[in-house]
Amino acid sequence: MSVFLRVPLGFLIMAIGVLMVWKTVWFQDIIGVIDWAEEKIGSGGTNSFLKILGIIIIFIGIATVTNIISDILTDFAGLFIRT
């Protein structure tokens, strides 16, 4: 992927992750309560789950900007495809 596409895309992914951590209640209003998170994490589990998901999305954005994501995806695909 070209650096001119990879860097803005990575920053956009990071911005979505930051927004997800910062405005968790807004995302919860859109998505609704996640029953699995409430059951497994406890009271406020949806907020915690969305914050953790936002942090993971931020790391995916960082991996996209630094082009580590292509190495990760190549190694992951190598598990399923024999060459």
PDB file of N, CA and C in Angstrom:
ATOM      1  N   MET A   1       0.852  -1.168   0.000  1.00  0.00           N
ATOM      2  CA  MET A   1       0.000   0.000   0.000  1.00  0.00           C
ATOM      3  C   MET A   1       0.900   1.233   0.000  1.00  0.00           C
ATOM      4  N   SER A   2       0.525   2.212  -0.757  1.00  0.00           N
ATOM      5  CA  SER A   2       1.299   3.442  -0.865  1.00  0.00           C
ATOM      6  C   SER A   2       1.304   4.196   0.461  1.00  0.00           C
ATOM      7  N   VAL A   3       2.426   4.864   0.723  1.00  0.00           N
ATOM      8  CA  VAL A   3       2.547   5.627   1.964  1.00  0.00           C
ATOM      9  C   VAL A   3       1.539   6.778   1.987  1.00  0.00           C
ATOM     10  N   PHE A   4       1.177   7.292   0.806  1.00  0.00           N
ATOM     11  CA  PHE A   4       0.229   8.400   0.736  1.00  0.00           C
ATOM     12  C   PHE A   4      -1.193   7.963   1.061  1.00  0.00           C
ATOM     13  N   LEU A   5      -1.461   6.695   0.967  1.00  0.00           N
ATOM     14  CA  LEU A   5      -2.763   6.163   1.367  1.00  0.00           C
ATOM     15  C   LEU A   5      -2.707   5.578   2.773  1.00  0.00           C
ATOM     16  N   ARG A   6      -1.583   4.924   3.091  1.00  0.00           N
ATOM     17  CA  ARG A   6      -1.441   4.228   4.369  1.00  0.00           C
ATOM     18  C   ARG A   6      -1.456   5.173   5.564  1.00  0.00           C
ATOM     19  N   VAL A   7      -0.732   6.284   5.470  1.00  0.00           N
ATOM     20  CA  VAL A   7      -0.619   7.193   6.614  1.00  0.00           C
ATOM     21  C   VAL A   7      -1.952   7.878   6.934  1.00  0.00           C
ATOM     22  N   PRO A   8      -2.649   8.485   5.956  1.00  0.00           N
ATOM     23  CA  PRO A   8      -3.953   9.077   6.310  1.00  0.00           C
ATOM     24  C   PRO A   8      -4.972   8.046   6.791  1.00  0.00           C
ATOM     25  N   LEU A   9      -4.939   6.852   6.195  1.00  0.00           N
ATOM     26  CA  LEU A   9      -5.854   5.801   6.633  1.00  0.00           C
ATOM     27  C   LEU A   9      -5.560   5.394   8.070  1.00  0.00           C
ATOM     28  N   GLY A  10      -4.286   5.269   8.408  1.00  0.00           N
ATOM     29  CA  GLY A  10      -3.904   4.921   9.778  1.00  0.00           C
ATOM     30  C   GLY A  10      -4.319   5.985  10.773  1.00  0.00           C
ATOM     31  N   PHE A  11      -4.123   7.262  10.393  1.00  0.00           N
ATOM     32  CA  PHE A  11      -4.540   8.342  11.286  1.00  0.00           C
ATOM     33  C   PHE A  11      -6.061   8.383  11.441  1.00  0.00           C
ATOM     34  N   LEU A  12      -6.794   8.060  10.380  1.00  0.00           N
ATOM     35  CA  LEU A  12      -8.255   8.002  10.468  1.00  0.00           C
ATOM     36  C   LEU A  12      -8.688   6.878  11.408  1.00  0.00           C
ATOM     37  N   ILE A  13      -8.034   5.727  11.311  1.00  0.00           N
ATOM     38  CA  ILE A  13      -8.346   4.608  12.203  1.00  0.00           C
ATOM     39  C   ILE A  13      -8.044   4.987  13.647  1.00  0.00           C
ATOM     40  N   MET A  14      -6.894   5.651  13.868  1.00  0.00           N
ATOM     41  CA  MET A  14      -6.548   6.088  15.226  1.00  0.00           C
ATOM     42  C   MET A  14      -7.559   7.102  15.750  1.00  0.00           C
ATOM     43  N   ALA A  15      -8.020   8.012  14.889  1.00  0.00           N
ATOM     44  CA  ALA A  15      -8.993   9.020  15.315  1.00  0.00           C
ATOM     45  C   ALA A  15     -10.308   8.366  15.726  1.00  0.00           C
ATOM     46  N   ILE A  16     -10.719   7.340  15.006  1.00  0.00           N
ATOM     47  CA  ILE A  16     -11.940   6.618  15.381  1.00  0.00           C
ATOM     48  C   ILE A  16     -11.756   5.947  16.740  1.00  0.00           C
ATOM     49  N   GLY A  17     -10.584   5.362  16.976  1.00  0.00           N
ATOM     50  CA  GLY A  17     -10.304   4.736  18.270  1.00  0.00           C
ATOM     51  C   GLY A  17     -10.294   5.741  19.405  1.00  0.00           C
ATOM     52  N   VAL A  18      -9.664   6.903  19.176  1.00  0.00           N
ATOM     53  CA  VAL A  18      -9.639   7.952  20.206  1.00  0.00           C
ATOM     54  C   VAL A  18     -11.049   8.444  20.485  1.00  0.00           C
ATOM     55  N   LEU A  19     -11.832   8.636  19.429  1.00  0.00           N
ATOM     56  CA  LEU A  19     -13.222   9.071  19.607  1.00  0.00           C
ATOM     57  C   LEU A  19     -14.019   8.032  20.385  1.00  0.00           C
ATOM     58  N   MET A  20     -13.727   6.772  20.144  1.00  0.00           N
ATOM     59  CA  MET A  20     -14.432   5.699  20.842  1.00  0.00           C
ATOM     60  C   MET A  20     -14.098   5.684  22.328  1.00  0.00           C
ATOM     61  N   VAL A  21     -12.848   5.984  22.679  1.00  0.00           N
ATOM     62  CA  VAL A  21     -12.456   6.035  24.088  1.00  0.00           C
ATOM     63  C   VAL A  21     -12.990   7.301  24.739  1.00  0.00           C
ATOM     64  N   TRP A  22     -12.973   8.402  24.011  1.00  0.00           N
ATOM     65  CA  TRP A  22     -13.348   9.700  24.561  1.00  0.00           C
ATOM     66  C   TRP A  22     -14.864   9.836  24.718  1.00  0.00           C
ATOM     67  N   LYS A  23     -15.627   9.433  23.728  1.00  0.00           N
ATOM     68  CA  LYS A  23     -17.086   9.593  23.718  1.00  0.00           C
ATOM     69  C   LYS A  23     -17.779   8.228  23.782  1.00  0.00           C
ATOM     70  N   THR A  24     -17.475   7.474  24.812  1.00  0.00           N
ATOM     71  CA  THR A  24     -18.000   6.119  24.943  1.00  0.00           C
ATOM     72  C   THR A  24     -19.519   6.099  25.076  1.00  0.00           C
ATOM     73  N   VAL A  25     -20.065   7.052  25.798  1.00  0.00           N
ATOM     74  CA  VAL A  25     -21.518   7.078  26.009  1.00  0.00           C
ATOM     75  C   VAL A  25     -22.243   7.319  24.692  1.00  0.00           C
ATOM     76  N   TRP A  26     -21.676   8.141  23.814  1.00  0.00           N
ATOM     77  CA  TRP A  26     -22.283   8.400  22.506  1.00  0.00           C
ATOM     78  C   TRP A  26     -22.322   7.114  21.685  1.00  0.00           C
ATOM     79  N   PHE A  27     -21.217   6.354  21.700  1.00  0.00           N
ATOM     80  CA  PHE A  27     -21.195   5.076  20.991  1.00  0.00           C
ATOM     81  C   PHE A  27     -22.178   4.094  21.617  1.00  0.00           C
ATOM     82  N   GLN A  28     -22.312   4.129  22.948  1.00  0.00           N
ATOM     83  CA  GLN A  28     -23.251   3.229  23.613  1.00  0.00           C
ATOM     84  C   GLN A  28     -24.684   3.590  23.238  1.00  0.00           C
ATOM     85  N   ASP A  29     -24.981   4.874  23.077  1.00  0.00           N
ATOM     86  CA  ASP A  29     -26.319   5.273  22.648  1.00  0.00           C
ATOM     87  C   ASP A  29     -26.624   4.755  21.246  1.00  0.00           C
ATOM     88  N   ILE A  30     -25.615   4.722  20.382  1.00  0.00           N
ATOM     89  CA  ILE A  30     -25.811   4.241  19.016  1.00  0.00           C
ATOM     90  C   ILE A  30     -25.916   2.713  18.988  1.00  0.00           C
ATOM     91  N   ILE A  31     -24.984   2.035  19.671  1.00  0.00           N
ATOM     92  CA  ILE A  31     -24.908   0.575  19.617  1.00  0.00           C
ATOM     93  C   ILE A  31     -25.916  -0.077  20.552  1.00  0.00           C
ATOM     94  N   GLY A  32     -26.088   0.505  21.717  1.00  0.00           N
ATOM     95  CA  GLY A  32     -26.947  -0.091  22.727  1.00  0.00           C
ATOM     96  C   GLY A  32     -26.113  -0.861  23.739  1.00  0.00           C
ATOM     97  N   VAL A  33     -26.779  -1.453  24.696  1.00  0.00           N
ATOM     98  CA  VAL A  33     -26.099  -2.205  25.744  1.00  0.00           C
ATOM     99  C   VAL A  33     -25.653  -3.547  25.180  1.00  0.00           C
ATOM    100  N   ILE A  34     -24.422  -3.926  25.463  1.00  0.00           N
ATOM    101  CA  ILE A  34     -23.887  -5.213  25.029  1.00  0.00           C
ATOM    102  C   ILE A  34     -24.065  -6.180  26.198  1.00  0.00           C
ATOM    103  N   ASP A  35     -25.020  -7.087  26.047  1.00  0.00           N
ATOM    104  CA  ASP A  35     -25.377  -7.986  27.145  1.00  0.00           C
ATOM    105  C   ASP A  35     -24.206  -8.858  27.582  1.00  0.00           C
ATOM    106  N   TRP A  36     -23.415  -9.336  26.622  1.00  0.00           N
ATOM    107  CA  TRP A  36     -22.276 -10.185  26.959  1.00  0.00           C
ATOM    108  C   TRP A  36     -21.295  -9.441  27.863  1.00  0.00           C
ATOM    109  N   ALA A  37     -21.019  -8.177  27.538  1.00  0.00           N
ATOM    110  CA  ALA A  37     -20.074  -7.389  28.339  1.00  0.00           C
ATOM    111  C   ALA A  37     -20.642  -7.113  29.726  1.00  0.00           C
ATOM    112  N   GLU A  38     -21.919  -6.840  29.810  1.00  0.00           N
ATOM    113  CA  GLU A  38     -22.536  -6.589  31.113  1.00  0.00           C
ATOM    114  C   GLU A  38     -22.497  -7.844  31.983  1.00  0.00           C
ATOM    115  N   GLU A  39     -22.679  -9.006  31.354  1.00  0.00           N
ATOM    116  CA  GLU A  39     -22.673 -10.262  32.108  1.00  0.00           C
ATOM    117  C   GLU A  39     -21.262 -10.643  32.552  1.00  0.00           C
ATOM    118  N   LYS A  40     -20.294 -10.540  31.652  1.00  0.00           N
ATOM    119  CA  LYS A  40     -18.931 -11.002  31.950  1.00  0.00           C
ATOM    120  C   LYS A  40     -18.125  -9.992  32.757  1.00  0.00           C
ATOM    121  N   ILE A  41     -18.272  -8.691  32.459  1.00  0.00           N
ATOM    122  CA  ILE A  41     -17.465  -7.670  33.128  1.00  0.00           C
ATOM    123  C   ILE A  41     -18.177  -7.128  34.361  1.00  0.00           C
ATOM    124  N   GLY A  42     -19.493  -7.062  34.305  1.00  0.00           N
ATOM    125  CA  GLY A  42     -20.250  -6.545  35.437  1.00  0.00           C
ATOM    126  C   GLY A  42     -20.912  -5.229  35.073  1.00  0.00           C
ATOM    127  N   SER A  43     -21.320  -4.494  36.084  1.00  0.00           N
ATOM    128  CA  SER A  43     -21.986  -3.216  35.860  1.00  0.00           C
ATOM    129  C   SER A  43     -21.033  -2.259  35.152  1.00  0.00           C
ATOM    130  N   GLY A  44     -21.522  -1.613  34.111  1.00  0.00           N
ATOM    131  CA  GLY A  44     -20.667  -0.732  33.318  1.00  0.00           C
ATOM    132  C   GLY A  44     -19.787  -1.492  32.350  1.00  0.00           C
ATOM    133  N   GLY A  45     -20.126  -2.727  32.090  1.00  0.00           N
ATOM    134  CA  GLY A  45     -19.318  -3.563  31.210  1.00  0.00           C
ATOM    135  C   GLY A  45     -19.301  -3.091  29.773  1.00  0.00           C
ATOM    136  N   THR A  46     -20.421  -2.510  29.326  1.00  0.00           N
ATOM    137  CA  THR A  46     -20.466  -2.004  27.961  1.00  0.00           C
ATOM    138  C   THR A  46     -19.484  -0.861  27.778  1.00  0.00           C
ATOM    139  N   ASN A  47     -19.439   0.058  28.748  1.00  0.00           N
ATOM    140  CA  ASN A  47     -18.491   1.172  28.658  1.00  0.00           C
ATOM    141  C   ASN A  47     -17.059   0.662  28.656  1.00  0.00           C
ATOM    142  N   SER A  48     -16.747  -0.269  29.528  1.00  0.00           N
ATOM    143  CA  SER A  48     -15.392  -0.824  29.585  1.00  0.00           C
ATOM    144  C   SER A  48     -15.040  -1.544  28.290  1.00  0.00           C
ATOM    145  N   PHE A  49     -15.982  -2.314  27.760  1.00  0.00           N
ATOM    146  CA  PHE A  49     -15.749  -3.043  26.518  1.00  0.00           C
ATOM    147  C   PHE A  49     -15.485  -2.088  25.363  1.00  0.00           C
ATOM    148  N   LEU A  50     -16.267  -1.016  25.273  1.00  0.00           N
ATOM    149  CA  LEU A  50     -16.075  -0.059  24.187  1.00  0.00           C
ATOM    150  C   LEU A  50     -14.748   0.678  24.320  1.00  0.00           C
ATOM    151  N   LYS A  51     -14.328   0.972  25.547  1.00  0.00           N
ATOM    152  CA  LYS A  51     -13.028   1.621  25.752  1.00  0.00           C
ATOM    153  C   LYS A  51     -11.883   0.685  25.367  1.00  0.00           C
ATOM    154  N   ILE A  52     -11.973  -0.581  25.756  1.00  0.00           N
ATOM    155  CA  ILE A  52     -10.943  -1.551  25.381  1.00  0.00           C
ATOM    156  C   ILE A  52     -10.906  -1.726  23.866  1.00  0.00           C
ATOM    157  N   LEU A  53     -12.078  -1.798  23.240  1.00  0.00           N
ATOM    158  CA  LEU A  53     -12.145  -1.912  21.786  1.00  0.00           C
ATOM    159  C   LEU A  53     -11.536  -0.683  21.111  1.00  0.00           C
ATOM    160  N   GLY A  54     -11.785   0.505  21.672  1.00  0.00           N
ATOM    161  CA  GLY A  54     -11.191   1.725  21.135  1.00  0.00           C
ATOM    162  C   GLY A  54      -9.680   1.712  21.222  1.00  0.00           C
ATOM    163  N   ILE A  55      -9.133   1.215  22.325  1.00  0.00           N
ATOM    164  CA  ILE A  55      -7.672   1.127  22.479  1.00  0.00           C
ATOM    165  C   ILE A  55      -7.091   0.140  21.472  1.00  0.00           C
ATOM    166  N   ILE A  56      -7.776  -0.971  21.242  1.00  0.00           N
ATOM    167  CA  ILE A  56      -7.315  -1.937  20.237  1.00  0.00           C
ATOM    168  C   ILE A  56      -7.336  -1.301  18.850  1.00  0.00           C
ATOM    169  N   ILE A  57      -8.375  -0.520  18.549  1.00  0.00           N
ATOM    170  CA  ILE A  57      -8.464   0.156  17.255  1.00  0.00           C
ATOM    171  C   ILE A  57      -7.338   1.178  17.104  1.00  0.00           C
ATOM    172  N   ILE A  58      -6.974   1.863  18.188  1.00  0.00           N
ATOM    173  CA  ILE A  58      -5.843   2.801  18.140  1.00  0.00           C
ATOM    174  C   ILE A  58      -4.562   2.053  17.778  1.00  0.00           C
ATOM    175  N   PHE A  59      -4.324   0.892  18.387  1.00  0.00           N
ATOM    176  CA  PHE A  59      -3.128   0.108  18.067  1.00  0.00           C
ATOM    177  C   PHE A  59      -3.143  -0.383  16.618  1.00  0.00           C
ATOM    178  N   ILE A  60      -4.318  -0.725  16.103  1.00  0.00           N
ATOM    179  CA  ILE A  60      -4.417  -1.119  14.694  1.00  0.00           C
ATOM    180  C   ILE A  60      -4.065   0.066  13.798  1.00  0.00           C
ATOM    181  N   GLY A  61      -4.502   1.267  14.170  1.00  0.00           N
ATOM    182  CA  GLY A  61      -4.141   2.459  13.407  1.00  0.00           C
ATOM    183  C   GLY A  61      -2.646   2.725  13.425  1.00  0.00           C
ATOM    184  N   ILE A  62      -2.018   2.557  14.588  1.00  0.00           N
ATOM    185  CA  ILE A  62      -0.562   2.735  14.684  1.00  0.00           C
ATOM    186  C   ILE A  62       0.149   1.698  13.820  1.00  0.00           C
ATOM    187  N   ALA A  63      -0.327   0.464  13.843  1.00  0.00           N
ATOM    188  CA  ALA A  63       0.276  -0.586  13.022  1.00  0.00           C
ATOM    189  C   ALA A  63       0.094  -0.293  11.539  1.00  0.00           C
ATOM    190  N   THR A  64      -1.001   0.340  11.165  1.00  0.00           N
ATOM    191  CA  THR A  64      -1.224   0.695   9.771  1.00  0.00           C
ATOM    192  C   THR A  64      -0.271   1.797   9.333  1.00  0.00           C
ATOM    193  N   VAL A  65      -0.088   2.818  10.159  1.00  0.00           N
ATOM    194  CA  VAL A  65       0.808   3.925   9.812  1.00  0.00           C
ATOM    195  C   VAL A  65       2.241   3.430   9.666  1.00  0.00           C
ATOM    196  N   THR A  66       2.674   2.557  10.548  1.00  0.00           N
ATOM    197  CA  THR A  66       4.058   2.084  10.526  1.00  0.00           C
ATOM    198  C   THR A  66       4.263   0.878   9.614  1.00  0.00           C
ATOM    199  N   ASN A  67       3.225   0.434   8.938  1.00  0.00           N
ATOM    200  CA  ASN A  67       3.242  -0.683   7.992  1.00  0.00           C
ATOM    201  C   ASN A  67       3.543  -2.024   8.660  1.00  0.00           C
ATOM    202  N   ILE A  68       3.347  -2.111   9.946  1.00  0.00           N
ATOM    203  CA  ILE A  68       3.498  -3.391  10.637  1.00  0.00           C
ATOM    204  C   ILE A  68       2.299  -4.288  10.330  1.00  0.00           C
ATOM    205  N   ILE A  69       1.174  -3.679  10.012  1.00  0.00           N
ATOM    206  CA  ILE A  69      -0.054  -4.438   9.781  1.00  0.00           C
ATOM    207  C   ILE A  69       0.104  -5.400   8.607  1.00  0.00           C
ATOM    208  N   SER A  70       0.866  -5.015   7.575  1.00  0.00           N
ATOM    209  CA  SER A  70       1.027  -5.913   6.431  1.00  0.00           C
ATOM    210  C   SER A  70       1.835  -7.148   6.825  1.00  0.00           C
ATOM    211  N   ASP A  71       2.845  -6.973   7.686  1.00  0.00           N
ATOM    212  CA  ASP A  71       3.612  -8.130   8.160  1.00  0.00           C
ATOM    213  C   ASP A  71       2.744  -9.048   9.011  1.00  0.00           C
ATOM    214  N   ILE A  72       1.918  -8.455   9.860  1.00  0.00           N
ATOM    215  CA  ILE A  72       1.032  -9.249  10.717  1.00  0.00           C
ATOM    216  C   ILE A  72       0.040 -10.031   9.870  1.00  0.00           C
ATOM    217  N   LEU A  73      -0.573  -9.369   8.884  1.00  0.00           N
ATOM    218  CA  LEU A  73      -1.560 -10.043   8.037  1.00  0.00           C
ATOM    219  C   LEU A  73      -0.908 -11.100   7.148  1.00  0.00           C
ATOM    220  N   THR A  74       0.314 -10.843   6.686  1.00  0.00           N
ATOM    221  CA  THR A  74       1.026 -11.837   5.880  1.00  0.00           C
ATOM    222  C   THR A  74       1.339 -13.078   6.703  1.00  0.00           C
ATOM    223  N   ASP A  75       1.819 -12.889   7.918  1.00  0.00           N
ATOM    224  CA  ASP A  75       2.102 -14.034   8.787  1.00  0.00           C
ATOM    225  C   ASP A  75       0.827 -14.789   9.148  1.00  0.00           C
ATOM    226  N   PHE A  76      -0.262 -14.058   9.372  1.00  0.00           N
ATOM    227  CA  PHE A  76      -1.536 -14.699   9.700  1.00  0.00           C
ATOM    228  C   PHE A  76      -2.048 -15.508   8.515  1.00  0.00           C
ATOM    229  N   ALA A  77      -1.930 -14.955   7.308  1.00  0.00           N
ATOM    230  CA  ALA A  77      -2.364 -15.689   6.117  1.00  0.00           C
ATOM    231  C   ALA A  77      -1.483 -16.901   5.874  1.00  0.00           C
ATOM    232  N   GLY A  78      -0.215 -16.811   6.270  1.00  0.00           N
ATOM    233  CA  GLY A  78       0.694 -17.935   6.105  1.00  0.00           C
ATOM    234  C   GLY A  78       0.302 -19.145   6.935  1.00  0.00           C
ATOM    235  N   LEU A  79      -0.474 -18.929   7.978  1.00  0.00           N
ATOM    236  CA  LEU A  79      -0.959 -20.056   8.773  1.00  0.00           C
ATOM    237  C   LEU A  79      -1.933 -20.925   7.992  1.00  0.00           C
ATOM    238  N   PHE A  80      -2.645 -20.319   7.040  1.00  0.00           N
ATOM    239  CA  PHE A  80      -3.699 -21.023   6.321  1.00  0.00           C
ATOM    240  C   PHE A  80      -3.324 -21.396   4.893  1.00  0.00           C
ATOM    241  N   ILE A  81      -2.301 -20.738   4.339  1.00  0.00           N
ATOM    242  CA  ILE A  81      -1.929 -20.962   2.945  1.00  0.00           C
ATOM    243  C   ILE A  81      -0.525 -21.551   2.905  1.00  0.00           C
ATOM    244  N   ARG A  82      -0.403 -22.686   2.256  1.00  0.00           N
ATOM    245  CA  ARG A  82       0.920 -23.297   2.094  1.00  0.00           C
ATOM    246  C   ARG A  82       1.522 -22.813   0.788  1.00  0.00           C
ATOM    247  N   THR A  83       2.794 -22.460   0.851  1.00  0.00           N
ATOM    248  CA  THR A  83       3.460 -22.016  -0.383  1.00  0.00           C
ATOM    249  C   THR A  83       4.633 -22.906  -0.711  1.00  0.00           C
TER     250      THR A  83
END
